[in-house]
C-alpha atoms as a PDB file:
ATOM      1  CA  MET A   1       2.010 -30.486 -21.823  1.00  0.00           C
ATOM      2  CA  GLN A   2      -1.320 -29.824 -23.549  1.00  0.00           C
ATOM      3  CA  LYS A   3      -2.962 -29.111 -20.183  1.00  0.00           C
ATOM      4  CA  ARG A   4      -0.384 -26.390 -19.475  1.00  0.00           C
ATOM      5  CA  ARG A   5       0.771 -27.879 -16.197  1.00  0.00           C
ATOM      6  CA  THR A   6       4.152 -28.672 -14.700  1.00  0.00           C
ATOM      7  CA  LEU A   7       5.155 -32.336 -14.900  1.00  0.00           C
ATOM      8  CA  LYS A   8       7.329 -33.914 -12.213  1.00  0.00           C
ATOM      9  CA  TYR A   9       8.923 -37.310 -12.702  1.00  0.00           C
ATOM     10  CA  GLU A  10      12.082 -39.338 -12.292  1.00  0.00           C
ATOM     11  CA  GLU A  11      14.145 -40.729 -15.133  1.00  0.00           C
ATOM     12  CA  THR A  12      17.300 -42.769 -15.510  1.00  0.00           C
ATOM     13  CA  LEU A  13      19.897 -41.512 -17.996  1.00  0.00           C
ATOM     14  CA  ARG A  14      23.489 -42.359 -18.846  1.00  0.00           C
ATOM     15  CA  ASN A  15      26.285 -39.792 -18.563  1.00  0.00           C
ATOM     16  CA  SER A  16      29.377 -39.410 -20.762  1.00  0.00           C
ATOM     17  CA  LYS A  17      31.027 -42.299 -18.882  1.00  0.00           C
ATOM     18  CA  ASN A  18      28.049 -44.540 -19.661  1.00  0.00           C
ATOM     19  CA  GLU A  19      27.083 -44.600 -15.967  1.00  0.00           C
ATOM     20  CA  GLU A  20      23.426 -44.713 -15.019  1.00  0.00           C
ATOM     21  CA  ARG A  21      22.264 -41.644 -13.102  1.00  0.00           C
ATOM     22  CA  ILE A  22      18.841 -40.918 -11.608  1.00  0.00           C
ATOM     23  CA  PHE A  23      17.317 -37.490 -12.191  1.00  0.00           C
ATOM     24  CA  ARG A  24      14.286 -35.714 -10.779  1.00  0.00           C
ATOM     25  CA  SER A  25      12.969 -33.724 -13.719  1.00  0.00           C
ATOM     26  CA  LEU A  26      10.488 -30.892 -14.191  1.00  0.00           C
ATOM     27  CA  LYS A  27       8.895 -29.864 -17.486  1.00  0.00           C
ATOM     28  CA  PHE A  28       6.891 -26.646 -17.638  1.00  0.00           C
ATOM     29  CA  PRO A  29       5.279 -24.418 -20.314  1.00  0.00           C
ATOM     30  CA  PHE A  30       6.355 -20.911 -21.367  1.00  0.00           C
ATOM     31  CA  GLU A  31       3.388 -18.719 -22.266  1.00  0.00           C
ATOM     32  CA  THR A  32       2.790 -15.226 -23.524  1.00  0.00           C
ATOM     33  CA  SER A  33       0.717 -12.744 -21.533  1.00  0.00           C
ATOM     34  CA  ASP A  34      -2.217 -13.830 -23.718  1.00  0.00           C
ATOM     35  CA  GLY A  35      -1.782 -17.442 -22.682  1.00  0.00           C
ATOM     36  CA  ASP A  36      -0.277 -18.688 -25.959  1.00  0.00           C
ATOM     37  CA  LEU A  37       2.273 -21.486 -25.635  1.00  0.00           C
ATOM     38  CA  ILE A  38       5.668 -20.413 -26.997  1.00  0.00           C
ATOM     39  CA  GLY A  39       7.937 -23.110 -25.600  1.00  0.00           C
ATOM     40  CA  ILE A  40       8.656 -25.786 -23.040  1.00  0.00           C
ATOM     41  CA  GLY A  41      11.318 -25.535 -20.359  1.00  0.00           C
ATOM     42  CA  GLY A  42      12.847 -28.148 -18.146  1.00  0.00           C
ATOM     43  CA  LEU A  43      15.084 -28.712 -15.135  1.00  0.00           C
ATOM     44  CA  SER A  44      16.753 -31.930 -14.010  1.00  0.00           C
ATOM     45  CA  PHE A  45      18.444 -32.611 -10.679  1.00  0.00           C
ATOM     46  CA  ASP A  46      20.833 -35.502 -10.165  1.00  0.00           C
ATOM     47  CA  ILE A  47      19.483 -37.461  -7.178  1.00  0.00           C
ATOM     48  CA  THR A  48      21.520 -40.638  -7.637  1.00  0.00           C
ATOM     49  CA  GLU A  49      23.325 -40.381  -4.285  1.00  0.00           C
ATOM     50  CA  GLU A  50      20.056 -39.519  -2.540  1.00  0.00           C
ATOM     51  CA  ARG A  51      18.452 -42.637  -3.996  1.00  0.00           C
ATOM     52  CA  LEU A  52      21.426 -44.804  -3.006  1.00  0.00           C
ATOM     53  CA  LEU A  53      21.231 -43.587   0.600  1.00  0.00           C
ATOM     54  CA  GLU A  54      17.488 -44.088   0.557  1.00  0.00           C
ATOM     55  CA  ALA A  55      17.917 -47.639  -0.746  1.00  0.00           C
ATOM     56  CA  GLN A  56      20.342 -48.381   2.089  1.00  0.00           C
ATOM     57  CA  SER A  57      17.865 -46.980   4.612  1.00  0.00           C
ATOM     58  CA  TYR A  58      15.124 -49.160   3.130  1.00  0.00           C
ATOM     59  CA  HIS A  59      17.410 -52.174   3.388  1.00  0.00           C
ATOM     60  CA  ASN A  60      18.366 -51.491   7.011  1.00  0.00           C
ATOM     61  CA  ALA A  61      14.760 -50.897   8.034  1.00  0.00           C
ATOM     62  CA  LYS A  62      13.666 -54.065   6.277  1.00  0.00           C
ATOM     63  CA  LEU A  63      16.360 -56.092   8.052  1.00  0.00           C
ATOM     64  CA  ALA A  64      15.177 -54.679  11.379  1.00  0.00           C
ATOM     65  CA  SER A  65      11.596 -55.649  10.543  1.00  0.00           C
ATOM     66  CA  ILE A  66      12.626 -59.141   9.457  1.00  0.00           C
ATOM     67  CA  GLY A  67      14.570 -59.584  12.706  1.00  0.00           C
ATOM     68  CA  GLU A  68      11.487 -58.642  14.700  1.00  0.00           C
ATOM     69  CA  LEU A  69       9.280 -60.899  12.600  1.00  0.00           C
ATOM     70  CA  ALA A  70      11.580 -63.917  12.781  1.00  0.00           C
ATOM     71  CA  ALA A  71      10.630 -65.249  16.238  1.00  0.00           C
ATOM     72  CA  GLY A  72       6.910 -64.762  15.735  1.00  0.00           C
ATOM     73  CA  VAL A  73       6.910 -66.209  12.227  1.00  0.00           C
ATOM     74  CA  GLY A  74       8.848 -69.241  13.469  1.00  0.00           C
ATOM     75  CA  HIS A  75       6.199 -69.799  16.148  1.00  0.00           C
ATOM     76  CA  GLU A  76       3.401 -69.223  13.652  1.00  0.00           C
ATOM     77  CA  ILE A  77       4.847 -71.821  11.269  1.00  0.00           C
ATOM     78  CA  ASN A  78       5.485 -74.326  14.051  1.00  0.00           C
ATOM     79  CA  ASN A  79       1.808 -74.298  15.072  1.00  0.00           C
ATOM     80  CA  PRO A  80       0.399 -75.608  11.755  1.00  0.00           C
ATOM     81  CA  LEU A  81       3.353 -77.987  11.363  1.00  0.00           C
ATOM     82  CA  ALA A  82       2.589 -79.458  14.787  1.00  0.00           C
ATOM     83  CA  LEU A  83      -1.069 -79.752  13.786  1.00  0.00           C
ATOM     84  CA  ILE A  84      -0.128 -81.560  10.551  1.00  0.00           C
ATOM     85  CA  LYS A  85       2.161 -83.948  12.418  1.00  0.00           C
ATOM     86  CA  GLY A  86      -0.533 -84.618  15.038  1.00  0.00           C
ATOM     87  CA  HIS A  87      -3.156 -85.531  12.444  1.00  0.00           C
ATOM     88  CA  LEU A  88      -0.730 -87.719  10.515  1.00  0.00           C
ATOM     89  CA  ASP A  89       0.085 -89.549  13.769  1.00  0.00           C
ATOM     90  CA  ILE A  90      -3.638 -90.138  14.346  1.00  0.00           C
ATOM     91  CA  ILE A  91      -4.041 -91.552  10.832  1.00  0.00           C
ATOM     92  CA  ARG A  92      -1.013 -93.822  11.240  1.00  0.00           C
ATOM     93  CA  LYS A  93      -2.142 -95.187  14.620  1.00  0.00           C
ATOM     94  CA  LYS A  94      -5.676 -95.873  13.387  1.00  0.00           C
ATOM     95  CA  MET A  95      -4.358 -97.616  10.300  1.00  0.00           C
ATOM     96  CA  GLN A  96      -2.003 -99.733  12.418  1.00  0.00           C
ATOM     97  CA  ARG A  97      -4.757-100.613  14.889  1.00  0.00           C
ATOM     98  CA  ASP A  98      -7.786-101.058  12.629  1.00  0.00           C
ATOM     99  CA  GLY A  99      -6.211-101.513   9.200  1.00  0.00           C
ATOM    100  CA  ALA A 100      -8.680 -98.942   7.865  1.00  0.00           C
ATOM    101  CA  PHE A 101      -9.773 -95.349   8.317  1.00  0.00           C
ATOM    102  CA  ASP A 102     -13.345 -94.044   8.211  1.00  0.00           C
ATOM    103  CA  LEU A 103     -13.861 -92.023   5.023  1.00  0.00           C
ATOM    104  CA  LYS A 104     -15.702 -89.163   6.775  1.00  0.00           C
ATOM    105  CA  ASP A 105     -13.002 -88.886   9.446  1.00  0.00           C
ATOM    106  CA  ALA A 106     -10.317 -89.045   6.769  1.00  0.00           C
ATOM    107  CA  LEU A 107     -11.863 -86.177   4.762  1.00  0.00           C
ATOM    108  CA  GLU A 108     -12.192 -83.986   7.873  1.00  0.00           C
ATOM    109  CA  THR A 109      -8.582 -84.716   8.817  1.00  0.00           C
ATOM    110  CA  PHE A 110      -7.317 -83.943   5.314  1.00  0.00           C
ATOM    111  CA  GLU A 111      -9.221 -80.638   5.315  1.00  0.00           C
ATOM    112  CA  LYS A 112      -7.524 -79.640   8.564  1.00  0.00           C
ATOM    113  CA  ILE A 113      -4.133 -80.595   7.148  1.00  0.00           C
ATOM    114  CA  ASP A 114      -4.846 -78.673   3.928  1.00  0.00           C
ATOM    115  CA  SER A 115      -5.832 -75.588   5.965  1.00  0.00           C
ATOM    116  CA  ALA A 116      -2.610 -75.812   7.982  1.00  0.00           C
ATOM    117  CA  VAL A 117      -0.522 -76.169   4.808  1.00  0.00           C
ATOM    118  CA  GLY A 118      -2.289 -73.132   3.357  1.00  0.00           C
ATOM    119  CA  ARG A 119      -1.426 -71.152   6.482  1.00  0.00           C
ATOM    120  CA  VAL A 120       2.276 -71.966   6.139  1.00  0.00           C
ATOM    121  CA  THR A 121       2.149 -71.180   2.407  1.00  0.00           C
ATOM    122  CA  ARG A 122       0.645 -67.727   3.050  1.00  0.00           C
ATOM    123  CA  ILE A 123       3.310 -66.902   5.629  1.00  0.00           C
ATOM    124  CA  VAL A 124       6.166 -68.058   3.388  1.00  0.00           C
ATOM    125  CA  ASN A 125       4.769 -66.202   0.366  1.00  0.00           C
ATOM    126  CA  GLY A 126       4.355 -63.088   2.496  1.00  0.00           C
ATOM    127  CA  LEU A 127       7.987 -63.225   3.576  1.00  0.00           C
ATOM    128  CA  LYS A 128       9.096 -63.776  -0.034  1.00  0.00           C
ATOM    129  CA  ASN A 129       7.147 -60.736  -1.224  1.00  0.00           C
ATOM    130  CA  PHE A 130       8.386 -58.639   1.689  1.00  0.00           C
ATOM    131  CA  SER A 131      11.986 -59.662   0.976  1.00  0.00           C
ATOM    132  CA  ARG A 132      11.676 -57.988  -2.432  1.00  0.00           C
ATOM    133  CA  ALA A 133      11.272 -54.577  -0.796  1.00  0.00           C
ATOM    134  CA  ASP A 134      14.812 -53.640  -1.856  1.00  0.00           C
ATOM    135  CA  SER A 135      13.810 -53.997  -5.509  1.00  0.00           C
ATOM    136  CA  ARG A 136      12.363 -51.043  -7.438  1.00  0.00           C
ATOM    137  CA  GLU A 137      10.316 -53.455  -9.556  1.00  0.00           C
ATOM    138  CA  THR A 138       6.679 -52.418  -9.953  1.00  0.00           C
ATOM    139  CA  THR A 139       3.703 -54.645 -10.724  1.00  0.00           C
ATOM    140  CA  ASN A 140      -0.077 -54.452 -10.715  1.00  0.00           C
ATOM    141  CA  PHE A 141      -1.303 -56.129  -7.545  1.00  0.00           C
ATOM    142  CA  ASN A 142      -4.308 -56.307  -5.223  1.00  0.00           C
ATOM    143  CA  LEU A 143      -3.652 -53.842  -2.405  1.00  0.00           C
ATOM    144  CA  CYS A 144      -6.072 -55.541   0.014  1.00  0.00           C
ATOM    145  CA  GLU A 145      -4.334 -58.894  -0.451  1.00  0.00           C
ATOM    146  CA  ALA A 146      -0.956 -57.245   0.211  1.00  0.00           C
ATOM    147  CA  LEU A 147      -2.349 -55.619   3.375  1.00  0.00           C
ATOM    148  CA  GLU A 148      -3.829 -58.913   4.617  1.00  0.00           C
ATOM    149  CA  GLU A 149      -0.492 -60.613   3.889  1.00  0.00           C
ATOM    150  CA  ALA A 150       1.405 -58.030   5.957  1.00  0.00           C
ATOM    151  CA  ILE A 151      -1.046 -58.336   8.858  1.00  0.00           C
ATOM    152  CA  ASP A 152      -0.784 -62.132   8.616  1.00  0.00           C
ATOM    153  CA  MET A 153       2.984 -61.879   9.069  1.00  0.00           C
ATOM    154  CA  VAL A 154       2.886 -59.709  12.181  1.00  0.00           C
ATOM    155  CA  GLU A 155      -0.446 -60.484  13.851  1.00  0.00           C
ATOM    156  CA  SER A 156       0.804 -63.508  15.794  1.00  0.00           C
ATOM    157  CA  ILE A 157       3.726 -61.476  17.176  1.00  0.00           C
ATOM    158  CA  HIS A 158       1.598 -58.543  18.300  1.00  0.00           C
ATOM    159  CA  ALA A 159      -1.111 -60.806  19.705  1.00  0.00           C
ATOM    160  CA  TYR A 160       1.396 -61.716  22.400  1.00  0.00           C
ATOM    161  CA  ASP A 161       1.598 -57.999  23.196  1.00  0.00           C
ATOM    162  CA  ASP A 162      -2.218 -57.970  23.603  1.00  0.00           C
ATOM    163  CA  LEU A 163      -2.578 -55.701  20.571  1.00  0.00           C
ATOM    164  CA  MET A 164      -5.850 -56.441  18.779  1.00  0.00           C
ATOM    165  CA  ILE A 165      -5.726 -55.689  15.039  1.00  0.00           C
ATOM    166  CA  ASP A 166      -9.194 -55.069  13.594  1.00  0.00           C
ATOM    167  CA  LEU A 167      -9.218 -55.014   9.772  1.00  0.00           C
ATOM    168  CA  ASP A 168     -12.263 -53.694   7.903  1.00  0.00           C
ATOM    169  CA  ASN A 169     -11.779 -54.158   4.170  1.00  0.00           C
ATOM    170  CA  GLN A 170     -15.382 -54.994   3.259  1.00  0.00           C
ATOM    171  CA  HIS A 171     -15.533 -51.964   0.952  1.00  0.00           C
ATOM    172  CA  CYS A 172     -12.712 -53.548  -1.035  1.00  0.00           C
ATOM    173  CA  LYS A 173     -14.186 -57.044  -1.413  1.00  0.00           C
ATOM    174  CA  ASN A 174     -16.403 -56.387  -4.426  1.00  0.00           C
ATOM    175  CA  ASN A 175     -14.294 -53.535  -5.741  1.00  0.00           C
ATOM    176  CA  LYS A 176     -10.823 -55.042  -6.084  1.00  0.00           C
ATOM    177  CA  CYS A 177      -8.166 -52.439  -5.331  1.00  0.00           C
ATOM    178  CA  PHE A 178      -5.443 -53.008  -7.909  1.00  0.00           C
ATOM    179  CA  ILE A 179      -2.596 -50.520  -7.959  1.00  0.00           C
ATOM    180  CA  LEU A 180       0.709 -50.152  -9.768  1.00  0.00           C
ATOM    181  CA  GLY A 181       3.578 -50.267  -7.300  1.00  0.00           C
ATOM    182  CA  ASN A 182       6.099 -52.236  -5.307  1.00  0.00           C
ATOM    183  CA  ARG A 183       4.269 -54.736  -3.109  1.00  0.00           C
ATOM    184  CA  GLY A 184       7.154 -55.292  -0.675  1.00  0.00           C
ATOM    185  CA  ARG A 185       7.765 -51.592  -0.077  1.00  0.00           C
ATOM    186  CA  LEU A 186       4.130 -50.824   0.622  1.00  0.00           C
ATOM    187  CA  GLN A 187       4.032 -53.774   3.013  1.00  0.00           C
ATOM    188  CA  GLN A 188       6.995 -52.155   4.744  1.00  0.00           C
ATOM    189  CA  VAL A 189       4.791 -49.066   5.286  1.00  0.00           C
ATOM    190  CA  PHE A 190       1.984 -51.219   6.715  1.00  0.00           C
ATOM    191  CA  ILE A 191       4.373 -53.010   9.090  1.00  0.00           C
ATOM    192  CA  ASN A 192       5.924 -49.700  10.211  1.00  0.00           C
ATOM    193  CA  LEU A 193       2.487 -48.340  11.147  1.00  0.00           C
ATOM    194  CA  ILE A 194       1.521 -51.557  12.968  1.00  0.00           C
ATOM    195  CA  ASN A 195       4.803 -51.464  14.918  1.00  0.00           C
ATOM    196  CA  ASN A 196       4.195 -47.820  15.844  1.00  0.00           C
ATOM    197  CA  ALA A 197       0.697 -48.670  17.082  1.00  0.00           C
ATOM    198  CA  ARG A 198       2.117 -51.468  19.220  1.00  0.00           C
ATOM    199  CA  ASP A 199       4.586 -49.079  20.859  1.00  0.00           C
ATOM    200  CA  ALA A 200       2.060 -46.241  21.242  1.00  0.00           C
ATOM    201  CA  THR A 201      -0.474 -48.463  23.038  1.00  0.00           C
ATOM    202  CA  LEU A 202       2.058 -50.142  25.317  1.00  0.00           C
ATOM    203  CA  ASN A 203       0.535 -49.003  28.628  1.00  0.00           C
ATOM    204  CA  GLN A 204      -3.068 -48.786  27.469  1.00  0.00           C
ATOM    205  CA  LYS A 205      -5.971 -51.074  28.361  1.00  0.00           C
ATOM    206  CA  ASN A 206      -7.701 -52.922  25.492  1.00  0.00           C
ATOM    207  CA  ARG A 207      -4.896 -52.108  23.064  1.00  0.00           C
ATOM    208  CA  THR A 208      -6.457 -51.769  19.624  1.00  0.00           C
ATOM    209  CA  LEU A 209      -5.406 -50.905  16.092  1.00  0.00           C
ATOM    210  CA  SER A 210      -8.279 -50.525  13.624  1.00  0.00           C
ATOM    211  CA  ILE A 211      -7.456 -50.581   9.905  1.00  0.00           C
ATOM    212  CA  LEU A 212     -10.084 -49.342   7.465  1.00  0.00           C
ATOM    213  CA  VAL A 213      -9.838 -49.609   3.652  1.00  0.00           C
ATOM    214  CA  LEU A 214     -11.872 -47.013   1.726  1.00  0.00           C
ATOM    215  CA  PRO A 215     -11.703 -47.246  -2.091  1.00  0.00           C
ATOM    216  CA  SER A 216     -13.171 -44.580  -4.363  1.00  0.00           C
ATOM    217  CA  GLU A 217     -13.242 -44.186  -8.132  1.00  0.00           C
ATOM    218  CA  ASN A 218      -9.652 -42.996  -8.531  1.00  0.00           C
ATOM    219  CA  GLU A 219      -7.913 -43.726  -5.247  1.00  0.00           C
ATOM    220  CA  VAL A 220      -7.900 -45.858  -2.138  1.00  0.00           C
ATOM    221  CA  SER A 221      -7.372 -44.746   1.454  1.00  0.00           C
ATOM    222  CA  ILE A 222      -6.117 -47.023   4.208  1.00  0.00           C
ATOM    223  CA  VAL A 223      -6.668 -45.615   7.691  1.00  0.00           C
ATOM    224  CA  PHE A 224      -4.703 -46.879  10.705  1.00  0.00           C
ATOM    225  CA  ARG A 225      -6.213 -45.716  14.012  1.00  0.00           C
ATOM    226  CA  ASP A 226      -4.815 -46.729  17.417  1.00  0.00           C
ATOM    227  CA  ASN A 227      -5.915 -45.968  20.968  1.00  0.00           C
ATOM    228  CA  GLY A 228      -2.416 -45.097  22.165  1.00  0.00           C
ATOM    229  CA  ILE A 229      -0.936 -42.148  23.981  1.00  0.00           C
ATOM    230  CA  GLY A 230      -1.167 -39.819  20.984  1.00  0.00           C
ATOM    231  CA  ILE A 231       1.304 -37.186  19.749  1.00  0.00           C
ATOM    232  CA  SER A 232       1.673 -33.687  21.154  1.00  0.00           C
ATOM    233  CA  GLU A 233       1.068 -30.643  18.969  1.00  0.00           C
ATOM    234  CA  ASP A 234       4.706 -29.518  19.131  1.00  0.00           C
ATOM    235  CA  LYS A 235       5.905 -32.892  17.780  1.00  0.00           C
ATOM    236  CA  ILE A 236       3.302 -33.954  15.253  1.00  0.00           C
ATOM    237  CA  HIS A 237       4.701 -31.762  12.449  1.00  0.00           C
ATOM    238  CA  ARG A 238       8.080 -33.527  12.791  1.00  0.00           C
ATOM    239  CA  VAL A 239       6.986 -37.173  12.753  1.00  0.00           C
ATOM    240  CA  PHE A 240       8.068 -37.647   9.117  1.00  0.00           C
ATOM    241  CA  ASP A 241      11.507 -36.082   9.656  1.00  0.00           C
ATOM    242  CA  PRO A 242      14.437 -38.534   9.407  1.00  0.00           C
ATOM    243  CA  PHE A 243      15.784 -39.684  12.806  1.00  0.00           C
ATOM    244  CA  PHE A 244      12.985 -37.963  14.742  1.00  0.00           C
ATOM    245  CA  THR A 245      11.291 -40.270  17.254  1.00  0.00           C
ATOM    246  CA  THR A 246       8.930 -39.853  20.193  1.00  0.00           C
ATOM    247  CA  LYS A 247      10.074 -43.181  21.658  1.00  0.00           C
ATOM    248  CA  GLU A 248      12.519 -43.694  24.491  1.00  0.00           C
ATOM    249  CA  LEU A 249      16.248 -43.746  23.763  1.00  0.00           C
ATOM    250  CA  GLY A 250      17.170 -47.072  22.173  1.00  0.00           C
ATOM    251  CA  LYS A 251      13.546 -47.917  21.324  1.00  0.00           C
ATOM    252  CA  GLY A 252      13.440 -46.521  17.788  1.00  0.00           C
ATOM    253  CA  THR A 253      15.635 -45.266  14.947  1.00  0.00           C
ATOM    254  CA  GLY A 254      13.335 -42.447  13.856  1.00  0.00           C
ATOM    255  CA  LEU A 255      13.433 -43.783  10.275  1.00  0.00           C
ATOM    256  CA  GLY A 256      10.175 -45.755  10.073  1.00  0.00           C
ATOM    257  CA  LEU A 257       7.802 -42.889   9.272  1.00  0.00           C
ATOM    258  CA  SER A 258      10.405 -41.035   7.207  1.00  0.00           C
ATOM    259  CA  ILE A 259      10.904 -44.114   5.009  1.00  0.00           C
ATOM    260  CA  SER A 260       7.146 -44.657   4.852  1.00  0.00           C
ATOM    261  CA  HIS A 261       6.697 -41.063   3.655  1.00  0.00           C
ATOM    262  CA  SER A 262       9.295 -41.592   0.909  1.00  0.00           C
ATOM    263  CA  ILE A 263       7.700 -44.865  -0.198  1.00  0.00           C
ATOM    264  CA  MET A 264       4.276 -43.222  -0.433  1.00  0.00           C
ATOM    265  CA  HIS A 265       5.767 -40.328  -2.428  1.00  0.00           C
ATOM    266  CA  ASP A 266       7.369 -42.827  -4.824  1.00  0.00           C
ATOM    267  CA  HIS A 267       3.910 -44.275  -5.436  1.00  0.00           C
ATOM    268  CA  ASN A 268       2.411 -40.830  -6.065  1.00  0.00           C
ATOM    269  CA  GLY A 269       0.575 -41.246  -2.810  1.00  0.00           C
ATOM    270  CA  ASP A 270       0.412 -39.413   0.469  1.00  0.00           C
ATOM    271  CA  ILE A 271       0.447 -40.110   4.186  1.00  0.00           C
ATOM    272  CA  GLU A 272      -1.393 -37.906   6.677  1.00  0.00           C
ATOM    273  CA  VAL A 273      -1.428 -37.921  10.457  1.00  0.00           C
ATOM    274  CA  GLN A 274      -3.868 -36.633  13.033  1.00  0.00           C
ATOM    275  CA  SER A 275      -3.402 -36.995  16.767  1.00  0.00           C
ATOM    276  CA  LYS A 276      -3.917 -35.408  20.163  1.00  0.00           C
ATOM    277  CA  PRO A 277      -2.312 -36.408  23.459  1.00  0.00           C
ATOM    278  CA  GLY A 278      -4.307 -39.166  25.129  1.00  0.00           C
ATOM    279  CA  GLN A 279      -6.570 -39.663  22.102  1.00  0.00           C
ATOM    280  CA  GLY A 280      -4.524 -42.055  19.975  1.00  0.00           C
ATOM    281  CA  ALA A 281      -3.181 -41.425  16.489  1.00  0.00           C
ATOM    282  CA  THR A 282      -4.655 -41.800  13.013  1.00  0.00           C
ATOM    283  CA  PHE A 283      -2.481 -42.315   9.935  1.00  0.00           C
ATOM    284  CA  LYS A 284      -4.133 -42.178   6.541  1.00  0.00           C
ATOM    285  CA  LEU A 285      -2.453 -43.617   3.451  1.00  0.00           C
ATOM    286  CA  ILE A 286      -3.724 -42.417   0.079  1.00  0.00           C
ATOM    287  CA  LEU A 287      -2.820 -44.246  -3.141  1.00  0.00           C
ATOM    288  CA  PRO A 288      -4.008 -43.756  -6.730  1.00  0.00           C
ATOM    289  CA  LEU A 289      -5.796 -46.738  -8.256  1.00  0.00           C
ATOM    290  CA  LYS A 290      -5.168 -45.756 -11.870  1.00  0.00           C
ATOM    291  CA  CYS A 291      -1.945 -43.811 -12.151  1.00  0.00           C
ATOM    292  CA  THR A 292       1.551 -44.076 -13.586  1.00  0.00           C
ATOM    293  CA  LEU A 293       4.300 -43.813 -10.992  1.00  0.00           C
ATOM    294  CA  ASN A 294       6.173 -40.532 -10.497  1.00  0.00           C
ATOM    295  CA  PHE A 295       3.292 -38.247 -11.497  1.00  0.00           C
ATOM    296  CA  ASN A 296       1.329 -35.970  -9.196  1.00  0.00           C
ATOM    297  CA  LEU A 297      -1.638 -37.386  -7.288  1.00  0.00           C
ATOM    298  CA  PRO A 298      -4.833 -35.328  -7.651  1.00  0.00           C
ATOM    299  CA  GLU A 299      -5.931 -33.459  -4.553  1.00  0.00           C
ATOM    300  CA  VAL A 300      -7.957 -35.602  -2.171  1.00  0.00           C
ATOM    301  CA  ASP A 301     -11.424 -34.350  -1.208  1.00  0.00           C
ATOM    302  CA  THR A 302     -11.850 -36.329   2.020  1.00  0.00           C
ATOM    303  CA  ASP A 303     -10.054 -35.434   5.215  1.00  0.00           C
ATOM    304  CA  LEU A 304      -9.372 -37.317   8.413  1.00  0.00           C
ATOM    305  CA  GLU A 305     -12.272 -35.651  10.238  1.00  0.00           C
ATOM    306  CA  SER A 306     -14.803 -37.120   7.789  1.00  0.00           C
ATOM    307  CA  LEU A 307     -13.746 -40.710   8.414  1.00  0.00           C
ATOM    308  CA  PRO A 308     -15.980 -42.960  10.537  1.00  0.00           C
ATOM    309  CA  HIS A 309     -14.836 -43.573  14.132  1.00  0.00           C
END
């Protein structure tokens, strides 16, 4: 309170029945007309039921995402497994025929098998991390690795839809983007935006989603830009409203962007959108690199117009 600003945060307390309740709390200074501090006030709002409903929404959305991922992930795992089996068959046949195996050929074969095993490992680890999205556990993790993991899980599925995902995270390579947050929940945001891009570009030629990672000293921005149909001016201000969707009846729940907005808020981040009909849509995620959860994110200087196209 030394900086004389209002603090907003969430806290878990126990009531008289020893039940855990979640509160959204505000602490603010009382000052005289001369600016002298004379006291500190506070307000707390019980948001337990809101958080329970939100958790159920997260869970339902995650199940829907997992259902969509299942077929593609199965195919993606079968490919390296078939490759491994094929190379092992080659080794076995050569050993049976010649009783030996050329060392150079053996090393090349083992490298291919190792690469295929690594591919399966990355997919399985990605699914394990994503499955923890229901948890409110927070850890320090590399945001770029989490983004690559999410793209890895869905890229094979969307490749069949002719959606090209172009990731540019070169700015993040030498400047590792570690944040404090929930890896699975943020991956849910990434997957929601990729799914939206797939649907928005459905009837477009050269369907493309470009993803750009832009770290700065205190924050990192991740920009998702598609070449889809865009969003009309009368609808764009409602895209984060629960149950609002621009998709056809039966094609969407209207919860994806609403949940994504809540997840970003939980991480003291923000999500912005810019779009015009026929010109695609750009979603910008902003996350603090060095920040404790549930505190306000400083105002961001850059805007969507300043980003490279």
